[in-house]
Amino acid sequence: MECKEKVLENGTECIKCLEMPVVSRLASFFKVMGDETRVKIIYALVQKEMCVSELVQILDGNITQSAVSHQLKQLKSEGLVKARREGKNIFYSLDDEHIVGILDQSLIHIRHRLNCD
């Protein structure tokens, strides 16, 4: 069945028109973003490209290098961060700017809700 109305008046895609692989990836994206440590890592990478040891310092040393590496692996597998090798170091950065927009919109929503309560 062809969806007649792909985009609704408010600019969102019609739920009936979303394909299951897209819905699955969207759910996976939010699942990965549902971890506080990963959110902190993403926000750190908004500032600049960093290696694991820099991220450990930014996270106030409350997390081991091994744990940061594990979180980065999950973020990378979801396509949120990318890696670049320079000698012995691997530097991580955001995969694209869409992630920043999603975080910005989420913050606007959270701050709005906090001010409304």
C-alpha atoms as a PDB file:
ATOM      1  CA  MET A   1       0.000   0.000   0.000  1.00  0.00           C
ATOM      2  CA  GLU A   2       1.420   3.358  -1.048  1.00  0.00           C
ATOM      3  CA  CYS A   3       1.241   6.091   1.574  1.00  0.00           C
ATOM      4  CA  LYS A   4      -0.562   9.128   0.188  1.00  0.00           C
ATOM      5  CA  GLU A   5       0.669  11.559   2.807  1.00  0.00           C
ATOM      6  CA  LYS A   6       4.420  11.060   3.330  1.00  0.00           C
ATOM      7  CA  VAL A   7       4.920  14.278   5.308  1.00  0.00           C
ATOM      8  CA  LEU A   8       2.377  15.703   7.715  1.00  0.00           C
ATOM      9  CA  GLU A   9       1.536  19.404   8.043  1.00  0.00           C
ATOM     10  CA  ASN A  10       3.876  19.740  11.053  1.00  0.00           C
ATOM     11  CA  GLY A  11       6.803  18.463   8.952  1.00  0.00           C
ATOM     12  CA  THR A  12       7.019  14.969  10.450  1.00  0.00           C
ATOM     13  CA  GLU A  13       6.814  11.795   8.453  1.00  0.00           C
ATOM     14  CA  CYS A  14       3.539   9.883   8.501  1.00  0.00           C
ATOM     15  CA  ILE A  15       3.816   6.874  10.867  1.00  0.00           C
ATOM     16  CA  LYS A  16       2.172   4.628   8.289  1.00  0.00           C
ATOM     17  CA  CYS A  17       4.883   5.558   5.780  1.00  0.00           C
ATOM     18  CA  LEU A  18       7.822   4.674   8.008  1.00  0.00           C
ATOM     19  CA  GLU A  19       9.494   1.466   6.966  1.00  0.00           C
ATOM     20  CA  MET A  20      10.324  -1.090   9.651  1.00  0.00           C
ATOM     21  CA  PRO A  21      14.120  -0.863   9.152  1.00  0.00           C
ATOM     22  CA  VAL A  22      13.868   2.899   9.707  1.00  0.00           C
ATOM     23  CA  VAL A  23      11.753   2.463  12.850  1.00  0.00           C
ATOM     24  CA  SER A  24      14.198  -0.127  14.154  1.00  0.00           C
ATOM     25  CA  ARG A  25      17.219   2.141  13.559  1.00  0.00           C
ATOM     26  CA  LEU A  26      15.425   5.062  15.190  1.00  0.00           C
ATOM     27  CA  ALA A  27      14.690   2.985  18.294  1.00  0.00           C
ATOM     28  CA  SER A  28      18.293   1.774  18.344  1.00  0.00           C
ATOM     29  CA  PHE A  29      19.542   5.368  18.100  1.00  0.00           C
ATOM     30  CA  PHE A  30      17.516   6.444  21.134  1.00  0.00           C
ATOM     31  CA  LYS A  31      18.534   3.313  23.033  1.00  0.00           C
ATOM     32  CA  VAL A  32      22.206   4.185  22.549  1.00  0.00           C
ATOM     33  CA  MET A  33      21.514   7.802  23.500  1.00  0.00           C
ATOM     34  CA  GLY A  34      19.718   6.615  26.647  1.00  0.00           C
ATOM     35  CA  ASP A  35      22.929   6.279  28.649  1.00  0.00           C
ATOM     36  CA  GLU A  36      24.248   9.231  30.682  1.00  0.00           C
ATOM     37  CA  THR A  37      27.901   8.419  30.054  1.00  0.00           C
ATOM     38  CA  ARG A  38      27.374   8.216  26.304  1.00  0.00           C
ATOM     39  CA  VAL A  39      25.503  11.537  26.342  1.00  0.00           C
ATOM     40  CA  LYS A  40      28.439  13.134  28.199  1.00  0.00           C
ATOM     41  CA  ILE A  41      30.880  11.673  25.669  1.00  0.00           C
ATOM     42  CA  ILE A  42      28.817  13.027  22.777  1.00  0.00           C
ATOM     43  CA  TYR A  43      28.699  16.489  24.379  1.00  0.00           C
ATOM     44  CA  ALA A  44      32.466  16.403  24.892  1.00  0.00           C
ATOM     45  CA  LEU A  45      32.953  15.502  21.234  1.00  0.00           C
ATOM     46  CA  VAL A  46      30.760  18.439  20.193  1.00  0.00           C
ATOM     47  CA  GLN A  47      33.612  20.649  21.426  1.00  0.00           C
ATOM     48  CA  LYS A  48      36.441  18.903  19.578  1.00  0.00           C
ATOM     49  CA  GLU A  49      37.955  15.637  18.449  1.00  0.00           C
ATOM     50  CA  MET A  50      39.418  13.695  21.399  1.00  0.00           C
ATOM     51  CA  CYS A  51      41.225  10.518  22.318  1.00  0.00           C
ATOM     52  CA  VAL A  52      40.101   8.157  25.088  1.00  0.00           C
ATOM     53  CA  SER A  53      42.452   9.602  27.726  1.00  0.00           C
ATOM     54  CA  GLU A  54      41.106  13.124  27.113  1.00  0.00           C
ATOM     55  CA  LEU A  55      37.549  11.867  27.488  1.00  0.00           C
ATOM     56  CA  VAL A  56      38.443  10.144  30.779  1.00  0.00           C
ATOM     57  CA  GLN A  57      39.778  13.474  32.116  1.00  0.00           C
ATOM     58  CA  ILE A  58      36.680  15.377  30.987  1.00  0.00           C
ATOM     59  CA  LEU A  59      34.477  12.805  32.700  1.00  0.00           C
ATOM     60  CA  ASP A  60      36.344  13.698  35.943  1.00  0.00           C
ATOM     61  CA  GLY A  61      38.106  10.357  36.128  1.00  0.00           C
ATOM     62  CA  ASN A  62      34.895   8.707  37.351  1.00  0.00           C
ATOM     63  CA  ILE A  63      35.163   6.163  34.547  1.00  0.00           C
ATOM     64  CA  THR A  64      38.019   3.954  33.398  1.00  0.00           C
ATOM     65  CA  GLN A  65      39.669   4.096  29.984  1.00  0.00           C
ATOM     66  CA  SER A  66      38.296   0.635  29.304  1.00  0.00           C
ATOM     67  CA  ALA A  67      34.744   1.794  30.060  1.00  0.00           C
ATOM     68  CA  VAL A  68      35.123   4.877  27.842  1.00  0.00           C
ATOM     69  CA  SER A  69      36.440   2.683  25.029  1.00  0.00           C
ATOM     70  CA  HIS A  70      33.444   0.384  25.439  1.00  0.00           C
ATOM     71  CA  GLN A  71      31.017   3.323  25.249  1.00  0.00           C
ATOM     72  CA  LEU A  72      32.805   4.685  22.181  1.00  0.00           C
ATOM     73  CA  LYS A  73      32.521   1.294  20.503  1.00  0.00           C
ATOM     74  CA  GLN A  74      28.746   1.395  20.979  1.00  0.00           C
ATOM     75  CA  LEU A  75      28.522   4.962  19.701  1.00  0.00           C
ATOM     76  CA  LYS A  76      30.663   4.062  16.704  1.00  0.00           C
ATOM     77  CA  SER A  77      28.615   0.972  15.862  1.00  0.00           C
ATOM     78  CA  GLU A  78      25.479   3.136  15.838  1.00  0.00           C
ATOM     79  CA  GLY A  79      27.188   5.632  13.521  1.00  0.00           C
ATOM     80  CA  LEU A  80      27.262   8.497  16.000  1.00  0.00           C
ATOM     81  CA  VAL A  81      31.036   8.827  16.242  1.00  0.00           C
ATOM     82  CA  LYS A  82      33.919   8.059  13.918  1.00  0.00           C
ATOM     83  CA  ALA A  83      37.551   7.253  14.637  1.00  0.00           C
ATOM     84  CA  ARG A  84      40.798   8.474  13.134  1.00  0.00           C
ATOM     85  CA  ARG A  85      44.203   6.957  13.866  1.00  0.00           C
ATOM     86  CA  GLU A  86      47.258   9.175  14.314  1.00  0.00           C
ATOM     87  CA  GLY A  87      50.305   7.153  15.252  1.00  0.00           C
ATOM     88  CA  LYS A  88      49.442   5.174  18.382  1.00  0.00           C
ATOM     89  CA  ASN A  89      46.428   7.337  19.221  1.00  0.00           C
ATOM     90  CA  ILE A  90      42.864   7.013  18.018  1.00  0.00           C
ATOM     91  CA  PHE A  91      40.878  10.243  17.929  1.00  0.00           C
ATOM     92  CA  TYR A  92      37.105  10.261  18.046  1.00  0.00           C
ATOM     93  CA  SER A  93      34.725  12.856  16.672  1.00  0.00           C
ATOM     94  CA  LEU A  94      31.038  13.127  15.857  1.00  0.00           C
ATOM     95  CA  ASP A  95      30.097  11.374  12.657  1.00  0.00           C
ATOM     96  CA  ASP A  96      27.956  14.285  11.439  1.00  0.00           C
ATOM     97  CA  GLU A  97      26.288  17.496  12.565  1.00  0.00           C
ATOM     98  CA  HIS A  98      22.789  15.970  12.719  1.00  0.00           C
ATOM     99  CA  ILE A  99      23.683  14.641  16.158  1.00  0.00           C
ATOM    100  CA  VAL A 100      24.267  18.173  17.453  1.00  0.00           C
ATOM    101  CA  GLY A 101      20.850  19.263  16.163  1.00  0.00           C
ATOM    102  CA  ILE A 102      19.128  16.321  17.813  1.00  0.00           C
ATOM    103  CA  LEU A 103      20.843  17.073  21.130  1.00  0.00           C
ATOM    104  CA  ASP A 104      20.014  20.773  20.871  1.00  0.00           C
ATOM    105  CA  GLN A 105      16.330  20.036  20.230  1.00  0.00           C
ATOM    106  CA  SER A 106      16.287  17.549  23.098  1.00  0.00           C
ATOM    107  CA  LEU A 107      17.794  20.128  25.461  1.00  0.00           C
ATOM    108  CA  ILE A 108      15.229  22.723  24.413  1.00  0.00           C
ATOM    109  CA  HIS A 109      12.478  20.227  25.171  1.00  0.00           C
ATOM    110  CA  ILE A 110      13.948  19.188  28.560  1.00  0.00           C
ATOM    111  CA  ARG A 111      14.545  22.778  29.676  1.00  0.00           C
ATOM    112  CA  HIS A 112      11.033  23.734  28.587  1.00  0.00           C
ATOM    113  CA  ARG A 113       9.573  20.840  30.617  1.00  0.00           C
ATOM    114  CA  LEU A 114      11.687  21.735  33.661  1.00  0.00           C
ATOM    115  CA  ASN A 115      10.481  25.349  33.532  1.00  0.00           C
ATOM    116  CA  CYS A 116       6.856  24.254  33.187  1.00  0.00           C
ATOM    117  CA  ASP A 117       6.862  22.079  36.322  1.00  0.00           C
END
